[in-house]
């Protein structure tokens, strides 16, 4: 049995995080620059390799022009790739 370390909710959260960046028209490099981080930080956040705390999520939301609700809504509104 293949067991994931992430819940379905977290998987959907990661999809929303990537979708928000895509909709904003920004690259990982551009977001990293705005956050004063390396591009690898953005990549790790988006892939789930690095967990995001609420303060970091607020920064992403501000950059992407989204409300926090967008990232934590129960109904995903995001289709799986």
PDB file of N, CA and C in Angstrom:
ATOM      1  N   UNK A   1       0.840  -1.179   0.000  1.00  0.00           N
ATOM      2  CA  UNK A   1       0.000   0.000   0.000  1.00  0.00           C
ATOM      3  C   UNK A   1       0.886   1.244   0.000  1.00  0.00           C
ATOM      4  N   UNK A   2       0.623   2.149  -0.926  1.00  0.00           N
ATOM      5  CA  UNK A   2       1.365   3.399  -1.024  1.00  0.00           C
ATOM      6  C   UNK A   2       0.777   4.393  -0.034  1.00  0.00           C
ATOM      7  N   UNK A   3       1.579   4.812   0.928  1.00  0.00           N
ATOM      8  CA  UNK A   3       1.088   5.692   1.974  1.00  0.00           C
ATOM      9  C   UNK A   3       1.721   7.075   1.839  1.00  0.00           C
ATOM     10  N   UNK A   4       0.888   8.086   1.713  1.00  0.00           N
ATOM     11  CA  UNK A   4       1.363   9.454   1.578  1.00  0.00           C
ATOM     12  C   UNK A   4       1.543  10.068   2.960  1.00  0.00           C
ATOM     13  N   UNK A   5       2.548  10.931   3.085  1.00  0.00           N
ATOM     14  CA  UNK A   5       2.745  11.617   4.362  1.00  0.00           C
ATOM     15  C   UNK A   5       1.853  12.847   4.466  1.00  0.00           C
ATOM     16  N   UNK A   6       1.191  13.208   3.365  1.00  0.00           N
ATOM     17  CA  UNK A   6       0.334  14.383   3.354  1.00  0.00           C
ATOM     18  C   UNK A   6      -1.124  13.985   3.223  1.00  0.00           C
ATOM     19  N   UNK A   7      -1.969  14.754   3.851  1.00  0.00           N
ATOM     20  CA  UNK A   7      -3.399  14.535   3.729  1.00  0.00           C
ATOM     21  C   UNK A   7      -3.874  15.066   2.382  1.00  0.00           C
ATOM     22  N   UNK A   8      -5.070  14.679   2.017  1.00  0.00           N
ATOM     23  CA  UNK A   8      -5.679  15.194   0.793  1.00  0.00           C
ATOM     24  C   UNK A   8      -5.822  16.710   0.877  1.00  0.00           C
ATOM     25  N   UNK A   9      -6.154  17.212   2.060  1.00  0.00           N
ATOM     26  CA  UNK A   9      -6.305  18.656   2.241  1.00  0.00           C
ATOM     27  C   UNK A   9      -4.993  19.390   1.974  1.00  0.00           C
ATOM     28  N   UNK A  10      -3.879  18.820   2.444  1.00  0.00           N
ATOM     29  CA  UNK A  10      -2.589  19.477   2.221  1.00  0.00           C
ATOM     30  C   UNK A  10      -2.198  19.408   0.749  1.00  0.00           C
ATOM     31  N   UNK A  11      -2.512  18.302   0.099  1.00  0.00           N
ATOM     32  CA  UNK A  11      -2.235  18.184  -1.334  1.00  0.00           C
ATOM     33  C   UNK A  11      -2.997  19.266  -2.104  1.00  0.00           C
ATOM     34  N   UNK A  12      -4.259  19.481  -1.738  1.00  0.00           N
ATOM     35  CA  UNK A  12      -5.053  20.525  -2.391  1.00  0.00           C
ATOM     36  C   UNK A  12      -4.510  21.917  -2.075  1.00  0.00           C
ATOM     37  N   UNK A  13      -4.038  22.104  -0.856  1.00  0.00           N
ATOM     38  CA  UNK A  13      -3.416  23.375  -0.484  1.00  0.00           C
ATOM     39  C   UNK A  13      -2.214  23.660  -1.392  1.00  0.00           C
ATOM     40  N   UNK A  14      -1.386  22.652  -1.618  1.00  0.00           N
ATOM     41  CA  UNK A  14      -0.212  22.832  -2.480  1.00  0.00           C
ATOM     42  C   UNK A  14      -0.622  23.149  -3.916  1.00  0.00           C
ATOM     43  N   UNK A  15      -1.688  22.513  -4.383  1.00  0.00           N
ATOM     44  CA  UNK A  15      -2.192  22.836  -5.723  1.00  0.00           C
ATOM     45  C   UNK A  15      -2.639  24.294  -5.796  1.00  0.00           C
ATOM     46  N   UNK A  16      -3.327  24.755  -4.755  1.00  0.00           N
ATOM     47  CA  UNK A  16      -3.779  26.154  -4.723  1.00  0.00           C
ATOM     48  C   UNK A  16      -2.594  27.113  -4.686  1.00  0.00           C
ATOM     49  N   UNK A  17      -1.560  26.742  -3.938  1.00  0.00           N
ATOM     50  CA  UNK A  17      -0.375  27.593  -3.839  1.00  0.00           C
ATOM     51  C   UNK A  17       0.271  27.766  -5.214  1.00  0.00           C
ATOM     52  N   UNK A  18       0.417  26.666  -5.940  1.00  0.00           N
ATOM     53  CA  UNK A  18       1.004  26.740  -7.287  1.00  0.00           C
ATOM     54  C   UNK A  18       0.089  27.501  -8.247  1.00  0.00           C
ATOM     55  N   UNK A  19      -1.217  27.247  -8.134  1.00  0.00           N
ATOM     56  CA  UNK A  19      -2.181  27.921  -9.011  1.00  0.00           C
ATOM     57  C   UNK A  19      -2.179  29.429  -8.763  1.00  0.00           C
ATOM     58  N   UNK A  20      -2.089  29.833  -7.507  1.00  0.00           N
ATOM     59  CA  UNK A  20      -2.082  31.264  -7.178  1.00  0.00           C
ATOM     60  C   UNK A  20      -0.874  31.951  -7.806  1.00  0.00           C
ATOM     61  N   UNK A  21       0.273  31.304  -7.751  1.00  0.00           N
ATOM     62  CA  UNK A  21       1.466  31.898  -8.370  1.00  0.00           C
ATOM     63  C   UNK A  21       1.285  31.986  -9.876  1.00  0.00           C
ATOM     64  N   UNK A  22       0.773  30.923 -10.458  1.00  0.00           N
ATOM     65  CA  UNK A  22       0.549  30.901 -11.903  1.00  0.00           C
ATOM     66  C   UNK A  22      -0.424  32.005 -12.320  1.00  0.00           C
ATOM     67  N   UNK A  23      -1.518  32.141 -11.580  1.00  0.00           N
ATOM     68  CA  UNK A  23      -2.512  33.170 -11.894  1.00  0.00           C
ATOM     69  C   UNK A  23      -1.956  34.581 -11.722  1.00  0.00           C
ATOM     70  N   UNK A  24      -0.988  34.728 -10.835  1.00  0.00           N
ATOM     71  CA  UNK A  24      -0.396  36.050 -10.620  1.00  0.00           C
ATOM     72  C   UNK A  24       0.592  36.411 -11.727  1.00  0.00           C
ATOM     73  N   UNK A  25       0.973  35.407 -12.527  1.00  0.00           N
ATOM     74  CA  UNK A  25       1.910  35.650 -13.619  1.00  0.00           C
ATOM     75  C   UNK A  25       3.356  35.753 -13.173  1.00  0.00           C
ATOM     76  N   UNK A  26       3.632  35.298 -11.962  1.00  0.00           N
ATOM     77  CA  UNK A  26       4.990  35.383 -11.424  1.00  0.00           C
ATOM     78  C   UNK A  26       5.706  34.040 -11.526  1.00  0.00           C
ATOM     79  N   UNK A  27       7.014  34.110 -11.692  1.00  0.00           N
ATOM     80  CA  UNK A  27       7.837  32.902 -11.674  1.00  0.00           C
ATOM     81  C   UNK A  27       8.299  32.647 -10.240  1.00  0.00           C
ATOM     82  N   UNK A  28       8.823  31.465 -10.006  1.00  0.00           N
ATOM     83  CA  UNK A  28       9.385  31.164  -8.687  1.00  0.00           C
ATOM     84  C   UNK A  28      10.520  32.129  -8.358  1.00  0.00           C
ATOM     85  N   UNK A  29      11.313  32.472  -9.340  1.00  0.00           N
ATOM     86  CA  UNK A  29      12.432  33.394  -9.127  1.00  0.00           C
ATOM     87  C   UNK A  29      11.917  34.770  -8.697  1.00  0.00           C
ATOM     88  N   UNK A  30      10.867  35.248  -9.349  1.00  0.00           N
ATOM     89  CA  UNK A  30      10.307  36.559  -9.002  1.00  0.00           C
ATOM     90  C   UNK A  30       9.723  36.559  -7.588  1.00  0.00           C
ATOM     91  N   UNK A  31       9.014  35.493  -7.240  1.00  0.00           N
ATOM     92  CA  UNK A  31       8.439  35.392  -5.896  1.00  0.00           C
ATOM     93  C   UNK A  31       9.557  35.330  -4.857  1.00  0.00           C
ATOM     94  N   UNK A  32      10.579  34.555  -5.145  1.00  0.00           N
ATOM     95  CA  UNK A  32      11.716  34.450  -4.229  1.00  0.00           C
ATOM     96  C   UNK A  32      12.347  35.819  -3.995  1.00  0.00           C
ATOM     97  N   UNK A  33      12.492  36.589  -5.052  1.00  0.00           N
ATOM     98  CA  UNK A  33      13.062  37.931  -4.932  1.00  0.00           C
ATOM     99  C   UNK A  33      12.193  38.809  -4.025  1.00  0.00           C
ATOM    100  N   UNK A  34      10.883  38.751  -4.220  1.00  0.00           N
ATOM    101  CA  UNK A  34       9.968  39.552  -3.398  1.00  0.00           C
ATOM    102  C   UNK A  34      10.009  39.142  -1.926  1.00  0.00           C
ATOM    103  N   UNK A  35      10.238  37.851  -1.676  1.00  0.00           N
ATOM    104  CA  UNK A  35      10.299  37.348  -0.303  1.00  0.00           C
ATOM    105  C   UNK A  35      11.715  37.380   0.277  1.00  0.00           C
ATOM    106  N   UNK A  36      12.665  37.810  -0.557  1.00  0.00           N
ATOM    107  CA  UNK A  36      14.077  37.820  -0.156  1.00  0.00           C
ATOM    108  C   UNK A  36      14.543  36.417   0.261  1.00  0.00           C
ATOM    109  N   UNK A  37      14.191  35.463  -0.588  1.00  0.00           N
ATOM    110  CA  UNK A  37      14.557  34.057  -0.399  1.00  0.00           C
ATOM    111  C   UNK A  37      15.168  33.531  -1.684  1.00  0.00           C
ATOM    112  N   UNK A  38      15.652  32.303  -1.631  1.00  0.00           N
ATOM    113  CA  UNK A  38      16.161  31.640  -2.828  1.00  0.00           C
ATOM    114  C   UNK A  38      15.004  30.980  -3.570  1.00  0.00           C
ATOM    115  N   UNK A  39      15.177  30.778  -4.862  1.00  0.00           N
ATOM    116  CA  UNK A  39      14.159  30.108  -5.670  1.00  0.00           C
ATOM    117  C   UNK A  39      13.873  28.715  -5.127  1.00  0.00           C
ATOM    118  N   UNK A  40      14.884  28.055  -4.600  1.00  0.00           N
ATOM    119  CA  UNK A  40      14.692  26.699  -4.079  1.00  0.00           C
ATOM    120  C   UNK A  40      13.708  26.679  -2.905  1.00  0.00           C
ATOM    121  N   UNK A  41      13.638  27.767  -2.147  1.00  0.00           N
ATOM    122  CA  UNK A  41      12.663  27.872  -1.050  1.00  0.00           C
ATOM    123  C   UNK A  41      11.242  27.797  -1.610  1.00  0.00           C
ATOM    124  N   UNK A  42      10.987  28.538  -2.688  1.00  0.00           N
ATOM    125  CA  UNK A  42       9.655  28.538  -3.305  1.00  0.00           C
ATOM    126  C   UNK A  42       9.335  27.148  -3.839  1.00  0.00           C
ATOM    127  N   UNK A  43      10.295  26.545  -4.510  1.00  0.00           N
ATOM    128  CA  UNK A  43      10.109  25.208  -5.058  1.00  0.00           C
ATOM    129  C   UNK A  43       9.783  24.200  -3.956  1.00  0.00           C
ATOM    130  N   UNK A  44      10.510  24.265  -2.860  1.00  0.00           N
ATOM    131  CA  UNK A  44      10.278  23.333  -1.748  1.00  0.00           C
ATOM    132  C   UNK A  44       8.919  23.568  -1.100  1.00  0.00           C
ATOM    133  N   UNK A  45       8.501  24.817  -0.997  1.00  0.00           N
ATOM    134  CA  UNK A  45       7.172  25.113  -0.451  1.00  0.00           C
ATOM    135  C   UNK A  45       6.090  24.546  -1.365  1.00  0.00           C
ATOM    136  N   UNK A  46       6.228  24.772  -2.658  1.00  0.00           N
ATOM    137  CA  UNK A  46       5.212  24.331  -3.616  1.00  0.00           C
ATOM    138  C   UNK A  46       5.157  22.814  -3.767  1.00  0.00           C
ATOM    139  N   UNK A  47       6.262  22.139  -3.543  1.00  0.00           N
ATOM    140  CA  UNK A  47       6.288  20.682  -3.698  1.00  0.00           C
ATOM    141  C   UNK A  47       5.898  19.958  -2.412  1.00  0.00           C
ATOM    142  N   UNK A  48       5.843  20.695  -1.307  1.00  0.00           N
ATOM    143  CA  UNK A  48       5.512  20.073  -0.032  1.00  0.00           C
ATOM    144  C   UNK A  48       6.729  19.584   0.724  1.00  0.00           C
ATOM    145  N   UNK A  49       7.903  19.790   0.153  1.00  0.00           N
ATOM    146  CA  UNK A  49       9.131  19.385   0.838  1.00  0.00           C
ATOM    147  C   UNK A  49       9.349  20.233   2.091  1.00  0.00           C
ATOM    148  N   UNK A  50       8.856  21.465   2.041  1.00  0.00           N
ATOM    149  CA  UNK A  50       8.945  22.369   3.181  1.00  0.00           C
ATOM    150  C   UNK A  50       7.538  22.800   3.559  1.00  0.00           C
ATOM    151  N   UNK A  51       7.178  22.605   4.819  1.00  0.00           N
ATOM    152  CA  UNK A  51       5.856  23.022   5.302  1.00  0.00           C
ATOM    153  C   UNK A  51       5.841  24.538   5.480  1.00  0.00           C
ATOM    154  N   UNK A  52       4.669  25.121   5.276  1.00  0.00           N
ATOM    155  CA  UNK A  52       4.516  26.576   5.346  1.00  0.00           C
ATOM    156  C   UNK A  52       3.748  26.939   6.606  1.00  0.00           C
ATOM    157  N   UNK A  53       4.262  27.903   7.357  1.00  0.00           N
ATOM    158  CA  UNK A  53       3.511  28.356   8.532  1.00  0.00           C
ATOM    159  C   UNK A  53       2.596  29.518   8.139  1.00  0.00           C
ATOM    160  N   UNK A  54       1.774  29.960   9.057  1.00  0.00           N
ATOM    161  CA  UNK A  54       0.755  30.967   8.753  1.00  0.00           C
ATOM    162  C   UNK A  54       1.367  32.307   8.345  1.00  0.00           C
ATOM    163  N   UNK A  55       2.477  32.677   8.936  1.00  0.00           N
ATOM    164  CA  UNK A  55       3.130  33.943   8.588  1.00  0.00           C
ATOM    165  C   UNK A  55       3.639  33.890   7.147  1.00  0.00           C
ATOM    166  N   UNK A  56       4.223  32.767   6.775  1.00  0.00           N
ATOM    167  CA  UNK A  56       4.692  32.595   5.397  1.00  0.00           C
ATOM    168  C   UNK A  56       3.516  32.589   4.427  1.00  0.00           C
ATOM    169  N   UNK A  57       2.428  31.927   4.814  1.00  0.00           N
ATOM    170  CA  UNK A  57       1.245  31.898   3.959  1.00  0.00           C
ATOM    171  C   UNK A  57       0.688  33.301   3.748  1.00  0.00           C
ATOM    172  N   UNK A  58       0.706  34.113   4.788  1.00  0.00           N
ATOM    173  CA  UNK A  58       0.238  35.495   4.656  1.00  0.00           C
ATOM    174  C   UNK A  58       1.088  36.256   3.639  1.00  0.00           C
ATOM    175  N   UNK A  59       2.387  36.007   3.624  1.00  0.00           N
ATOM    176  CA  UNK A  59       3.273  36.674   2.662  1.00  0.00           C
ATOM    177  C   UNK A  59       2.958  36.218   1.238  1.00  0.00           C
ATOM    178  N   UNK A  60       2.761  34.916   1.047  1.00  0.00           N
ATOM    179  CA  UNK A  60       2.396  34.415  -0.282  1.00  0.00           C
ATOM    180  C   UNK A  60       1.065  35.025  -0.724  1.00  0.00           C
ATOM    181  N   UNK A  61       0.091  35.038   0.163  1.00  0.00           N
ATOM    182  CA  UNK A  61      -1.234  35.573  -0.171  1.00  0.00           C
ATOM    183  C   UNK A  61      -1.139  37.039  -0.596  1.00  0.00           C
ATOM    184  N   UNK A  62      -0.351  37.814   0.120  1.00  0.00           N
ATOM    185  CA  UNK A  62      -0.188  39.232  -0.209  1.00  0.00           C
ATOM    186  C   UNK A  62       0.421  39.395  -1.601  1.00  0.00           C
ATOM    187  N   UNK A  63       1.466  38.640  -1.875  1.00  0.00           N
ATOM    188  CA  UNK A  63       2.142  38.729  -3.176  1.00  0.00           C
ATOM    189  C   UNK A  63       1.215  38.304  -4.310  1.00  0.00           C
ATOM    190  N   UNK A  64       0.417  37.267  -4.073  1.00  0.00           N
ATOM    191  CA  UNK A  64      -0.457  36.739  -5.123  1.00  0.00           C
ATOM    192  C   UNK A  64      -1.794  37.460  -5.208  1.00  0.00           C
ATOM    193  N   UNK A  65      -2.051  38.378  -4.282  1.00  0.00           N
ATOM    194  CA  UNK A  65      -3.312  39.112  -4.297  1.00  0.00           C
ATOM    195  C   UNK A  65      -4.509  38.241  -3.951  1.00  0.00           C
ATOM    196  N   UNK A  66      -4.297  37.288  -3.056  1.00  0.00           N
ATOM    197  CA  UNK A  66      -5.359  36.359  -2.648  1.00  0.00           C
ATOM    198  C   UNK A  66      -5.656  36.531  -1.162  1.00  0.00           C
ATOM    199  N   UNK A  67      -6.890  36.206  -0.779  1.00  0.00           N
ATOM    200  CA  UNK A  67      -7.245  36.129   0.634  1.00  0.00           C
ATOM    201  C   UNK A  67      -6.764  34.793   1.181  1.00  0.00           C
ATOM    202  N   UNK A  68      -6.550  34.725   2.475  1.00  0.00           N
ATOM    203  CA  UNK A  68      -6.142  33.455   3.080  1.00  0.00           C
ATOM    204  C   UNK A  68      -7.172  32.361   2.816  1.00  0.00           C
ATOM    205  N   UNK A  69      -8.436  32.742   2.742  1.00  0.00           N
ATOM    206  CA  UNK A  69      -9.504  31.770   2.474  1.00  0.00           C
ATOM    207  C   UNK A  69      -9.256  30.987   1.189  1.00  0.00           C
ATOM    208  N   UNK A  70      -8.658  31.626   0.211  1.00  0.00           N
ATOM    209  CA  UNK A  70      -8.390  30.962  -1.065  1.00  0.00           C
ATOM    210  C   UNK A  70      -7.570  29.687  -0.853  1.00  0.00           C
ATOM    211  N   UNK A  71      -6.620  29.750   0.057  1.00  0.00           N
ATOM    212  CA  UNK A  71      -5.702  28.634   0.273  1.00  0.00           C
ATOM    213  C   UNK A  71      -6.265  27.552   1.184  1.00  0.00           C
ATOM    214  N   UNK A  72      -7.220  27.911   2.025  1.00  0.00           N
ATOM    215  CA  UNK A  72      -7.687  26.947   3.029  1.00  0.00           C
ATOM    216  C   UNK A  72      -9.141  26.528   2.853  1.00  0.00           C
ATOM    217  N   UNK A  73      -9.761  26.939   1.764  1.00  0.00           N
ATOM    218  CA  UNK A  73     -11.159  26.567   1.536  1.00  0.00           C
ATOM    219  C   UNK A  73     -11.304  25.053   1.414  1.00  0.00           C
ATOM    220  N   UNK A  74     -12.417  24.550   1.873  1.00  0.00           N
ATOM    221  CA  UNK A  74     -12.669  23.104   1.835  1.00  0.00           C
ATOM    222  C   UNK A  74     -12.886  22.614   0.409  1.00  0.00           C
ATOM    223  N   UNK A  75     -13.710  23.326  -0.362  1.00  0.00           N
ATOM    224  CA  UNK A  75     -13.935  22.979  -1.761  1.00  0.00           C
ATOM    225  C   UNK A  75     -12.752  23.500  -2.553  1.00  0.00           C
ATOM    226  N   UNK A  76     -12.015  22.626  -3.173  1.00  0.00           N
ATOM    227  CA  UNK A  76     -10.739  23.006  -3.773  1.00  0.00           C
ATOM    228  C   UNK A  76     -10.856  24.022  -4.896  1.00  0.00           C
ATOM    229  N   UNK A  77     -11.797  23.846  -5.798  1.00  0.00           N
ATOM    230  CA  UNK A  77     -11.850  24.725  -6.951  1.00  0.00           C
ATOM    231  C   UNK A  77     -10.615  24.587  -7.824  1.00  0.00           C
ATOM    232  N   UNK A  78      -9.845  23.545  -7.575  1.00  0.00           N
ATOM    233  CA  UNK A  78      -8.604  23.305  -8.303  1.00  0.00           C
ATOM    234  C   UNK A  78      -8.648  21.885  -8.827  1.00  0.00           C
ATOM    235  N   UNK A  79      -8.364  21.727 -10.097  1.00  0.00           N
ATOM    236  CA  UNK A  79      -8.336  20.377 -10.644  1.00  0.00           C
ATOM    237  C   UNK A  79      -6.924  19.831 -10.582  1.00  0.00           C
ATOM    238  N   UNK A  80      -6.813  18.557 -10.363  1.00  0.00           N
ATOM    239  CA  UNK A  80      -5.504  17.910 -10.292  1.00  0.00           C
ATOM    240  C   UNK A  80      -4.876  17.857 -11.669  1.00  0.00           C
ATOM    241  N   UNK A  81      -3.553  18.034 -11.711  1.00  0.00           N
ATOM    242  CA  UNK A  81      -2.869  17.967 -13.009  1.00  0.00           C
ATOM    243  C   UNK A  81      -2.838  16.556 -13.555  1.00  0.00           C
TER     244      UNK A  81
END
